[in-house]
Each structure stands twice: as C-alpha cells, then as structure tokens.
Amino acid sequence: MSLFLRRALIRGQPRATHGSIIPVVFKSRSYASKHKGKGKQPSEEPRTGQKGSHANATSNLVPASQRAFLDEGVQAEYDKTSSKMSSSIDWLRKEVAGITARGIGHVTPALLDPVRVVVADGPKELRLEEVATVGIREGTNFIITLFEDENMKYVEKAIYAAKLPNIVPQKVDGRTIKIMVPRPTMEARSALLNTASKIAEDTRVQIRKTRDVVARKNSWKPRTHSEEIDRFQKLCDNRIKEVDQILNKAKQELGK
C-alpha cells in the first residue's frame, strides 16, 4: 500500500486516484484466518458447566473436610462398610418395631410379614399379600381373604410354619381366614423383649464382623495403619450405639 493511501486511511478521508474511488470500507487486516484450524489459544479453557475433561475432573471432587481419608481406595472401603452397617441397623429397626407392636397390642399387617406361602407347582415362596388381602377388624383380628380358594391349605400351612406367637389361623369359609390376636400378657411381653434383645445382639455381632472383614482384607496393623483402624472402630462404635438406642426404646415401650 502506498504512503498516500496509508495517510488517507489514518485521516479517515478517502481520496480518488486516476478516476477511481477508494472504498470507504477499508478495515484493519485480521489474521484470525491464518490461525484457523491450529487449535485454541492457551487462554481458552473449558468453562464450568461445559463438556470437557477439566469440567468432569472437578465436578466429582469431594471437599477434604467431608472425607474420612485422603486415600480414595480406603475411602471407598469406608463408604461401603458404612452402607453395610446401616443396612443392618435398618433391618433391626424394622424387626424391633414389629415386636414392639405385638407387645403393646397393636395389630398391623406387618405382624404377618414372616409368612411365606408355597403354592402347588409354585416357582418360589410368595409373600402373603401376593396370594391374599390382609385386613384388620375391631383392632385385634386379622381377616385374610384369598384370591383363589385352592390356596387355602397352603396359606394355613405357611402361617403355622412362621411360628408367630399367639397366631392361630381359623378357617371361616373357602376363601377366608380369621386370626384373633389376644392382648399380650406380662409373660408374653417378656418373651418378646428377649427376642428383641437376641436380635439386637446378633446385629452387634454382624456390625463387628463387617469391621473385621475390612481389616483382614487390607492386612491393617496397629503400628502402620493406626488411623484406618481408629476410624473404622469409631464407625463401628457409633453403629452399636444405634443398636442400643433401638433396644432401649423397645424396653420403655414394653414397660420394662
């Protein structure tokens, strides 16, 4: 470009040369096209929420304050162990709730949860609700209505096999069974409490076993893995405290 044209651009006043008109749309040359296809500049990085390895790497990070261990493998073992112990606690809570309900005279369909029915040519054991409806009359009586009358003998057999205290089926007609649940005596409450205590102790044993399995699997030694052992022991102690709380609540509700 001649010096004449440069000056014309700088001053912003286009001039004609040899009868032609200089376009007024002259712009500074852009070199972006020269770099096309050569990749992003170093300053261009994926933003938060965009797809990319950077976003994926940071989205899964857990703050150190919420982690028991810095080692991801040990943390995974800790989370898995905690989940197993919680499952044991949930099972205990459900079982003790059913025992307590029977001890204070509350009749609920949950009392018949242990009943499993095996029908003729059946592929597996069925829950009572799968072959009949379970209703409650006058607050103390079960009324079981079968979907098919040919299953009567199988349902009666299943109720006896469950060995539920004071649960005796009485056949009303071809499709109906009545169960009268008497109010528990002090002796019956004491027996129920003993059952709850046994279940609670079994749960404690299971929780300790879950802790010991992890320690043996990783060959942890007191001298070299004191932190891991202490953390898992604390987790075990907290879960056992939950067991004690559930059992103590049952004792209070049963009048002990």
C-alpha atoms as a PDB file:
ATOM      1  CA  MET A   1       0.000   0.000   0.000  1.00  0.00           C
ATOM      2  CA  SER A   2       1.374   3.440  -0.937  1.00  0.00           C
ATOM      3  CA  LEU A   3       2.123   6.118   1.574  1.00  0.00           C
ATOM      4  CA  PHE A   4      -0.699   8.157   0.070  1.00  0.00           C
ATOM      5  CA  LEU A   5      -3.278   5.514   0.847  1.00  0.00           C
ATOM      6  CA  ARG A   6      -2.000   4.951   4.405  1.00  0.00           C
ATOM      7  CA  ARG A   7      -2.384   8.637   5.188  1.00  0.00           C
ATOM      8  CA  ALA A   8      -5.870   8.651   3.706  1.00  0.00           C
ATOM      9  CA  LEU A   9      -6.879   5.760   5.969  1.00  0.00           C
ATOM     10  CA  ILE A  10      -5.393   7.356   9.050  1.00  0.00           C
ATOM     11  CA  ARG A  11      -7.218  10.624   8.485  1.00  0.00           C
ATOM     12  CA  GLY A  12     -10.413   8.734   7.619  1.00  0.00           C
ATOM     13  CA  GLN A  13     -10.875  10.674   4.367  1.00  0.00           C
ATOM     14  CA  PRO A  14     -10.724   8.523   1.255  1.00  0.00           C
ATOM     15  CA  ARG A  15      -9.388  10.102  -1.908  1.00  0.00           C
ATOM     16  CA  ALA A  16      -9.614   9.201  -5.570  1.00  0.00           C
ATOM     17  CA  THR A  17      -6.684   8.223  -7.724  1.00  0.00           C
ATOM     18  CA  HIS A  18      -6.793   8.145 -11.513  1.00  0.00           C
ATOM     19  CA  GLY A  19     -10.573   8.480 -11.610  1.00  0.00           C
ATOM     20  CA  SER A  20     -11.288   5.545  -9.335  1.00  0.00           C
ATOM     21  CA  ILE A  21     -12.926   5.675  -5.921  1.00  0.00           C
ATOM     22  CA  ILE A  22     -11.331   4.209  -2.913  1.00  0.00           C
ATOM     23  CA  PRO A  23     -13.910   2.209  -0.939  1.00  0.00           C
ATOM     24  CA  VAL A  24     -14.679   3.582   2.489  1.00  0.00           C
ATOM     25  CA  VAL A  25     -14.949   0.109   3.996  1.00  0.00           C
ATOM     26  CA  PHE A  26     -11.242  -0.416   4.440  1.00  0.00           C
ATOM     27  CA  LYS A  27     -10.672  -2.269   7.681  1.00  0.00           C
ATOM     28  CA  SER A  28      -7.604  -3.310   9.527  1.00  0.00           C
ATOM     29  CA  ARG A  29      -6.482  -6.716   8.352  1.00  0.00           C
ATOM     30  CA  SER A  30      -7.485  -9.618  10.584  1.00  0.00           C
ATOM     31  CA  TYR A  31      -5.087 -12.507  10.954  1.00  0.00           C
ATOM     32  CA  ALA A  32      -7.592 -14.892  12.549  1.00  0.00           C
ATOM     33  CA  SER A  33      -7.923 -16.831   9.310  1.00  0.00           C
ATOM     34  CA  LYS A  34      -4.237 -17.544   9.308  1.00  0.00           C
ATOM     35  CA  HIS A  35      -4.589 -19.422  12.588  1.00  0.00           C
ATOM     36  CA  LYS A  36      -7.761 -21.267  11.636  1.00  0.00           C
ATOM     37  CA  GLY A  37      -7.505 -24.951  12.460  1.00  0.00           C
ATOM     38  CA  LYS A  38      -4.390 -24.527  14.558  1.00  0.00           C
ATOM     39  CA  GLY A  39      -6.253 -25.029  17.824  1.00  0.00           C
ATOM     40  CA  LYS A  40      -7.394 -22.797  20.674  1.00  0.00           C
ATOM     41  CA  GLN A  41      -5.178 -20.252  22.257  1.00  0.00           C
ATOM     42  CA  PRO A  42      -3.678 -21.318  25.622  1.00  0.00           C
ATOM     43  CA  SER A  43      -6.001 -18.905  27.444  1.00  0.00           C
ATOM     44  CA  GLU A  44      -9.140 -20.656  26.139  1.00  0.00           C
ATOM     45  CA  GLU A  45     -10.152 -23.313  28.702  1.00  0.00           C
ATOM     46  CA  PRO A  46     -13.470 -25.102  29.234  1.00  0.00           C
ATOM     47  CA  ARG A  47     -15.774 -23.119  31.464  1.00  0.00           C
ATOM     48  CA  THR A  48     -17.710 -24.516  34.395  1.00  0.00           C
ATOM     49  CA  GLY A  49     -20.682 -26.494  33.142  1.00  0.00           C
ATOM     50  CA  GLN A  50     -19.182 -27.102  29.686  1.00  0.00           C
ATOM     51  CA  LYS A  51     -18.198 -30.501  28.418  1.00  0.00           C
ATOM     52  CA  GLY A  52     -14.554 -31.283  28.776  1.00  0.00           C
ATOM     53  CA  SER A  53     -12.040 -33.180  30.835  1.00  0.00           C
ATOM     54  CA  HIS A  54     -11.486 -30.190  33.108  1.00  0.00           C
ATOM     55  CA  ALA A  55     -15.185 -29.897  33.977  1.00  0.00           C
ATOM     56  CA  ASN A  56     -15.542 -33.630  34.519  1.00  0.00           C
ATOM     57  CA  ALA A  57     -12.489 -33.771  36.747  1.00  0.00           C
ATOM     58  CA  THR A  58     -13.666 -31.031  39.108  1.00  0.00           C
ATOM     59  CA  SER A  59     -17.356 -31.977  39.259  1.00  0.00           C
ATOM     60  CA  ASN A  60     -16.614 -35.249  41.045  1.00  0.00           C
ATOM     61  CA  LEU A  61     -14.297 -33.807  43.648  1.00  0.00           C
ATOM     62  CA  VAL A  62     -15.362 -34.088  47.293  1.00  0.00           C
ATOM     63  CA  PRO A  63     -14.109 -31.471  49.777  1.00  0.00           C
ATOM     64  CA  ALA A  64     -11.413 -32.812  52.061  1.00  0.00           C
ATOM     65  CA  SER A  65     -13.496 -31.804  55.083  1.00  0.00           C
ATOM     66  CA  GLN A  66     -16.171 -34.309  54.031  1.00  0.00           C
ATOM     67  CA  ARG A  67     -13.768 -37.194  53.520  1.00  0.00           C
ATOM     68  CA  ALA A  68     -12.555 -39.517  56.273  1.00  0.00           C
ATOM     69  CA  PHE A  69      -9.448 -40.482  54.301  1.00  0.00           C
ATOM     70  CA  LEU A  70      -7.299 -38.886  51.633  1.00  0.00           C
ATOM     71  CA  ASP A  71      -6.649 -42.265  50.011  1.00  0.00           C
ATOM     72  CA  GLU A  72      -9.520 -42.923  47.586  1.00  0.00           C
ATOM     73  CA  GLY A  73      -9.270 -46.694  47.983  1.00  0.00           C
ATOM     74  CA  VAL A  74      -9.579 -46.548  51.756  1.00  0.00           C
ATOM     75  CA  GLN A  75     -12.401 -44.002  51.458  1.00  0.00           C
ATOM     76  CA  ALA A  76     -14.292 -46.378  49.157  1.00  0.00           C
ATOM     77  CA  GLU A  77     -13.884 -49.193  51.710  1.00  0.00           C
ATOM     78  CA  TYR A  78     -15.126 -46.873  54.449  1.00  0.00           C
ATOM     79  CA  ASP A  79     -18.235 -45.862  52.487  1.00  0.00           C
ATOM     80  CA  LYS A  80     -19.017 -49.482  51.609  1.00  0.00           C
ATOM     81  CA  THR A  81     -18.601 -50.610  55.222  1.00  0.00           C
ATOM     82  CA  SER A  82     -20.786 -47.761  56.483  1.00  0.00           C
ATOM     83  CA  SER A  83     -23.510 -48.732  54.000  1.00  0.00           C
ATOM     84  CA  LYS A  84     -23.462 -52.373  55.126  1.00  0.00           C
ATOM     85  CA  MET A  85     -23.689 -51.392  58.791  1.00  0.00           C
ATOM     86  CA  SER A  86     -26.576 -49.037  58.032  1.00  0.00           C
ATOM     87  CA  SER A  87     -28.432 -51.867  56.303  1.00  0.00           C
ATOM     88  CA  SER A  88     -28.051 -53.988  59.449  1.00  0.00           C
ATOM     89  CA  ILE A  89     -29.435 -51.138  61.564  1.00  0.00           C
ATOM     90  CA  ASP A  90     -32.421 -50.665  59.238  1.00  0.00           C
ATOM     91  CA  TRP A  91     -33.232 -54.378  59.426  1.00  0.00           C
ATOM     92  CA  LEU A  92     -33.034 -54.328  63.236  1.00  0.00           C
ATOM     93  CA  ARG A  93     -35.247 -51.253  63.474  1.00  0.00           C
ATOM     94  CA  LYS A  94     -37.931 -52.923  61.357  1.00  0.00           C
ATOM     95  CA  GLU A  95     -37.824 -56.185  63.309  1.00  0.00           C
ATOM     96  CA  VAL A  96     -37.951 -54.498  66.714  1.00  0.00           C
ATOM     97  CA  ALA A  97     -40.799 -52.251  65.592  1.00  0.00           C
ATOM     98  CA  GLY A  98     -42.851 -55.340  64.749  1.00  0.00           C
ATOM     99  CA  ILE A  99     -42.020 -56.962  68.077  1.00  0.00           C
ATOM    100  CA  THR A 100     -42.944 -53.807  69.986  1.00  0.00           C
ATOM    101  CA  ALA A 101     -46.245 -53.512  68.133  1.00  0.00           C
ATOM    102  CA  ARG A 102     -47.166 -57.042  69.168  1.00  0.00           C
ATOM    103  CA  GLY A 103     -46.059 -56.402  72.740  1.00  0.00           C
ATOM    104  CA  ILE A 104     -48.303 -53.375  73.242  1.00  0.00           C
ATOM    105  CA  GLY A 105     -51.278 -54.958  71.458  1.00  0.00           C
ATOM    106  CA  HIS A 106     -51.144 -53.086  68.138  1.00  0.00           C
ATOM    107  CA  VAL A 107     -52.265 -55.318  65.293  1.00  0.00           C
ATOM    108  CA  THR A 108     -50.806 -54.390  61.926  1.00  0.00           C
ATOM    109  CA  PRO A 109     -50.311 -56.379  58.697  1.00  0.00           C
ATOM    110  CA  ALA A 110     -46.573 -56.175  59.377  1.00  0.00           C
ATOM    111  CA  LEU A 111     -47.045 -58.875  62.045  1.00  0.00           C
ATOM    112  CA  LEU A 112     -47.604 -61.365  59.225  1.00  0.00           C
ATOM    113  CA  ASP A 113     -44.550 -60.321  57.185  1.00  0.00           C
ATOM    114  CA  PRO A 114     -42.619 -63.514  58.072  1.00  0.00           C
ATOM    115  CA  VAL A 115     -45.303 -65.687  56.446  1.00  0.00           C
ATOM    116  CA  ARG A 116     -44.120 -67.213  53.156  1.00  0.00           C
ATOM    117  CA  VAL A 117     -46.521 -69.263  51.056  1.00  0.00           C
ATOM    118  CA  VAL A 118     -45.522 -72.076  48.696  1.00  0.00           C
ATOM    119  CA  VAL A 119     -48.394 -72.948  46.354  1.00  0.00           C
ATOM    120  CA  ALA A 120     -48.734 -76.039  44.171  1.00  0.00           C
ATOM    121  CA  ASP A 121     -46.155 -76.037  41.379  1.00  0.00           C
ATOM    122  CA  GLY A 122     -45.078 -72.580  42.530  1.00  0.00           C
ATOM    123  CA  PRO A 123     -41.636 -71.403  41.384  1.00  0.00           C
ATOM    124  CA  LYS A 124     -40.783 -69.714  44.684  1.00  0.00           C
ATOM    125  CA  GLU A 125     -42.017 -68.623  48.100  1.00  0.00           C
ATOM    126  CA  LEU A 126     -44.643 -65.895  47.965  1.00  0.00           C
ATOM    127  CA  ARG A 127     -45.488 -63.163  50.430  1.00  0.00           C
ATOM    128  CA  LEU A 128     -48.936 -63.429  51.956  1.00  0.00           C
ATOM    129  CA  GLU A 129     -50.000 -60.236  50.155  1.00  0.00           C
ATOM    130  CA  GLU A 130     -49.316 -61.942  46.828  1.00  0.00           C
ATOM    131  CA  VAL A 131     -51.999 -64.577  47.355  1.00  0.00           C
ATOM    132  CA  ALA A 132     -54.498 -62.768  49.599  1.00  0.00           C
ATOM    133  CA  THR A 133     -55.601 -59.466  51.084  1.00  0.00           C
ATOM    134  CA  VAL A 134     -54.958 -58.800  54.772  1.00  0.00           C
ATOM    135  CA  GLY A 135     -57.448 -56.695  56.696  1.00  0.00           C
ATOM    136  CA  ILE A 136     -57.957 -55.772  60.373  1.00  0.00           C
ATOM    137  CA  ARG A 137     -61.288 -55.893  62.178  1.00  0.00           C
ATOM    138  CA  GLU A 138     -62.054 -54.459  65.634  1.00  0.00           C
ATOM    139  CA  GLY A 139     -58.379 -53.598  66.056  1.00  0.00           C
ATOM    140  CA  THR A 140     -57.389 -57.100  67.180  1.00  0.00           C
ATOM    141  CA  ASN A 141     -58.484 -59.514  64.443  1.00  0.00           C
ATOM    142  CA  PHE A 142     -56.904 -60.335  61.093  1.00  0.00           C
ATOM    143  CA  ILE A 143     -59.215 -61.123  58.182  1.00  0.00           C
ATOM    144  CA  ILE A 144     -57.349 -62.845  55.343  1.00  0.00           C
ATOM    145  CA  THR A 145     -59.207 -63.207  52.057  1.00  0.00           C
ATOM    146  CA  LEU A 146     -57.590 -65.473  49.464  1.00  0.00           C
ATOM    147  CA  PHE A 147     -57.576 -64.636  45.769  1.00  0.00           C
ATOM    148  CA  GLU A 148     -58.032 -68.315  44.894  1.00  0.00           C
ATOM    149  CA  ASP A 149     -59.719 -70.800  47.207  1.00  0.00           C
ATOM    150  CA  GLU A 150     -57.447 -73.681  46.125  1.00  0.00           C
ATOM    151  CA  ASN A 151     -54.598 -71.984  48.004  1.00  0.00           C
ATOM    152  CA  MET A 152     -56.314 -72.282  51.383  1.00  0.00           C
ATOM    153  CA  LYS A 153     -54.297 -75.243  52.661  1.00  0.00           C
ATOM    154  CA  TYR A 154     -51.018 -73.670  51.539  1.00  0.00           C
ATOM    155  CA  VAL A 155     -51.754 -70.392  53.344  1.00  0.00           C
ATOM    156  CA  GLU A 156     -52.745 -72.180  56.572  1.00  0.00           C
ATOM    157  CA  LYS A 157     -49.580 -74.255  56.423  1.00  0.00           C
ATOM    158  CA  ALA A 158     -47.456 -71.133  55.862  1.00  0.00           C
ATOM    159  CA  ILE A 159     -48.972 -69.323  58.865  1.00  0.00           C
ATOM    160  CA  TYR A 160     -48.202 -72.241  61.176  1.00  0.00           C
ATOM    161  CA  ALA A 161     -44.704 -72.596  59.707  1.00  0.00           C
ATOM    162  CA  ALA A 162     -43.925 -68.964  60.529  1.00  0.00           C
ATOM    163  CA  LYS A 163     -44.250 -69.854  64.258  1.00  0.00           C
ATOM    164  CA  LEU A 164     -45.623 -66.453  65.253  1.00  0.00           C
ATOM    165  CA  PRO A 165     -46.560 -66.272  68.964  1.00  0.00           C
ATOM    166  CA  ASN A 166     -50.323 -66.481  69.616  1.00  0.00           C
ATOM    167  CA  ILE A 167     -51.087 -66.503  65.870  1.00  0.00           C
ATOM    168  CA  VAL A 168     -53.568 -69.324  65.138  1.00  0.00           C
ATOM    169  CA  PRO A 169     -55.499 -69.320  61.821  1.00  0.00           C
ATOM    170  CA  GLN A 170     -59.223 -70.119  61.892  1.00  0.00           C
ATOM    171  CA  LYS A 171     -60.943 -71.056  58.641  1.00  0.00           C
ATOM    172  CA  VAL A 172     -64.192 -69.102  58.142  1.00  0.00           C
ATOM    173  CA  ASP A 173     -65.125 -70.285  54.637  1.00  0.00           C
ATOM    174  CA  GLY A 174     -63.440 -71.478  51.465  1.00  0.00           C
ATOM    175  CA  ARG A 175     -61.581 -68.209  50.938  1.00  0.00           C
ATOM    176  CA  THR A 176     -61.447 -66.510  54.340  1.00  0.00           C
ATOM    177  CA  ILE A 177     -59.190 -66.996  57.378  1.00  0.00           C
ATOM    178  CA  LYS A 178     -59.624 -65.213  60.710  1.00  0.00           C
ATOM    179  CA  ILE A 179     -56.867 -64.737  63.256  1.00  0.00           C
ATOM    180  CA  MET A 180     -57.700 -63.409  66.719  1.00  0.00           C
ATOM    181  CA  VAL A 181     -54.714 -61.745  68.339  1.00  0.00           C
ATOM    182  CA  PRO A 182     -55.054 -61.694  72.143  1.00  0.00           C
ATOM    183  CA  ARG A 183     -53.582 -58.864  74.152  1.00  0.00           C
ATOM    184  CA  PRO A 184     -50.152 -59.940  75.351  1.00  0.00           C
ATOM    185  CA  THR A 185     -49.642 -60.873  78.979  1.00  0.00           C
ATOM    186  CA  MET A 186     -46.610 -59.820  81.001  1.00  0.00           C
ATOM    187  CA  GLU A 187     -45.044 -63.183  80.263  1.00  0.00           C
ATOM    188  CA  ALA A 188     -45.626 -62.666  76.552  1.00  0.00           C
ATOM    189  CA  ARG A 189     -44.078 -59.189  76.690  1.00  0.00           C
ATOM    190  CA  SER A 190     -41.068 -60.567  78.492  1.00  0.00           C
ATOM    191  CA  ALA A 191     -40.650 -63.228  75.817  1.00  0.00           C
ATOM    192  CA  LEU A 192     -40.928 -60.607  73.072  1.00  0.00           C
ATOM    193  CA  LEU A 193     -38.329 -58.460  74.809  1.00  0.00           C
ATOM    194  CA  ASN A 194     -35.966 -61.420  74.987  1.00  0.00           C
ATOM    195  CA  THR A 195     -36.454 -61.917  71.259  1.00  0.00           C
ATOM    196  CA  ALA A 196     -35.663 -58.252  70.616  1.00  0.00           C
ATOM    197  CA  SER A 197     -32.537 -58.487  72.784  1.00  0.00           C
ATOM    198  CA  LYS A 198     -31.328 -61.529  70.866  1.00  0.00           C
ATOM    199  CA  ILE A 199     -31.882 -59.815  67.531  1.00  0.00           C
ATOM    200  CA  ALA A 200     -30.018 -56.750  68.791  1.00  0.00           C
ATOM    201  CA  GLU A 201     -27.045 -58.850  69.875  1.00  0.00           C
ATOM    202  CA  ASP A 202     -26.997 -60.606  66.501  1.00  0.00           C
ATOM    203  CA  THR A 203     -26.872 -57.177  64.866  1.00  0.00           C
ATOM    204  CA  ARG A 204     -23.930 -56.110  67.053  1.00  0.00           C
ATOM    205  CA  VAL A 205     -22.065 -59.253  66.051  1.00  0.00           C
ATOM    206  CA  GLN A 206     -22.782 -58.580  62.378  1.00  0.00           C
ATOM    207  CA  ILE A 207     -21.529 -54.998  62.635  1.00  0.00           C
ATOM    208  CA  ARG A 208     -18.277 -56.077  64.311  1.00  0.00           C
ATOM    209  CA  LYS A 209     -17.826 -58.791  61.711  1.00  0.00           C
ATOM    210  CA  THR A 210     -18.190 -56.225  58.924  1.00  0.00           C
ATOM    211  CA  ARG A 211     -15.434 -54.142  60.528  1.00  0.00           C
ATOM    212  CA  ASP A 212     -13.129 -57.152  60.985  1.00  0.00           C
ATOM    213  CA  VAL A 213     -13.552 -58.304  57.377  1.00  0.00           C
ATOM    214  CA  VAL A 214     -12.203 -54.977  56.100  1.00  0.00           C
ATOM    215  CA  ALA A 215      -9.226 -55.071  58.473  1.00  0.00           C
ATOM    216  CA  ARG A 216      -8.285 -58.605  57.433  1.00  0.00           C
ATOM    217  CA  LYS A 217      -8.789 -57.861  53.758  1.00  0.00           C
ATOM    218  CA  ASN A 218      -6.352 -54.945  53.864  1.00  0.00           C
ATOM    219  CA  SER A 219      -3.946 -56.559  56.384  1.00  0.00           C
ATOM    220  CA  TRP A 220      -4.022 -53.493  58.613  1.00  0.00           C
ATOM    221  CA  LYS A 221      -1.596 -53.491  61.552  1.00  0.00           C
ATOM    222  CA  PRO A 222      -1.790 -51.198  64.613  1.00  0.00           C
ATOM    223  CA  ARG A 223       1.701 -49.785  64.038  1.00  0.00           C
ATOM    224  CA  THR A 224       1.308 -48.944  60.363  1.00  0.00           C
ATOM    225  CA  HIS A 225      -2.426 -48.329  59.965  1.00  0.00           C
ATOM    226  CA  SER A 226      -3.492 -46.790  63.259  1.00  0.00           C
ATOM    227  CA  GLU A 227      -5.560 -44.069  61.565  1.00  0.00           C
ATOM    228  CA  GLU A 228      -7.574 -46.531  59.475  1.00  0.00           C
ATOM    229  CA  ILE A 229      -8.164 -48.837  62.444  1.00  0.00           C
ATOM    230  CA  ASP A 230      -9.270 -45.938  64.674  1.00  0.00           C
ATOM    231  CA  ARG A 231     -11.684 -44.523  62.096  1.00  0.00           C
ATOM    232  CA  PHE A 232     -13.323 -47.870  61.375  1.00  0.00           C
ATOM    233  CA  GLN A 233     -13.556 -48.611  65.103  1.00  0.00           C
ATOM    234  CA  LYS A 234     -15.298 -45.283  65.668  1.00  0.00           C
ATOM    235  CA  LEU A 235     -17.738 -46.101  62.868  1.00  0.00           C
ATOM    236  CA  CYS A 236     -18.429 -49.482  64.491  1.00  0.00           C
ATOM    237  CA  ASP A 237     -18.939 -47.899  67.931  1.00  0.00           C
ATOM    238  CA  ASN A 238     -21.434 -45.370  66.553  1.00  0.00           C
ATOM    239  CA  ARG A 239     -23.482 -48.083  64.874  1.00  0.00           C
ATOM    240  CA  ILE A 240     -23.551 -50.181  68.049  1.00  0.00           C
ATOM    241  CA  LYS A 241     -24.802 -47.119  69.941  1.00  0.00           C
ATOM    242  CA  GLU A 242     -27.704 -47.014  67.486  1.00  0.00           C
ATOM    243  CA  VAL A 243     -28.440 -50.659  68.272  1.00  0.00           C
ATOM    244  CA  ASP A 244     -28.520 -49.872  71.994  1.00  0.00           C
ATOM    245  CA  GLN A 245     -30.841 -46.916  71.430  1.00  0.00           C
ATOM    246  CA  ILE A 246     -33.302 -49.029  69.432  1.00  0.00           C
ATOM    247  CA  LEU A 247     -33.352 -51.740  72.093  1.00  0.00           C
ATOM    248  CA  ASN A 248     -33.723 -49.256  74.971  1.00  0.00           C
ATOM    249  CA  LYS A 249     -36.687 -47.647  73.232  1.00  0.00           C
ATOM    250  CA  ALA A 250     -38.334 -51.067  72.874  1.00  0.00           C
ATOM    251  CA  LYS A 251     -37.805 -51.748  76.593  1.00  0.00           C
ATOM    252  CA  GLN A 252     -39.503 -48.487  77.512  1.00  0.00           C
ATOM    253  CA  GLU A 253     -42.495 -49.164  75.230  1.00  0.00           C
ATOM    254  CA  LEU A 254     -42.887 -52.680  76.600  1.00  0.00           C
ATOM    255  CA  GLY A 255     -42.920 -51.367  80.164  1.00  0.00           C
ATOM    256  CA  LYS A 256     -39.506 -52.601  81.249  1.00  0.00           C
END
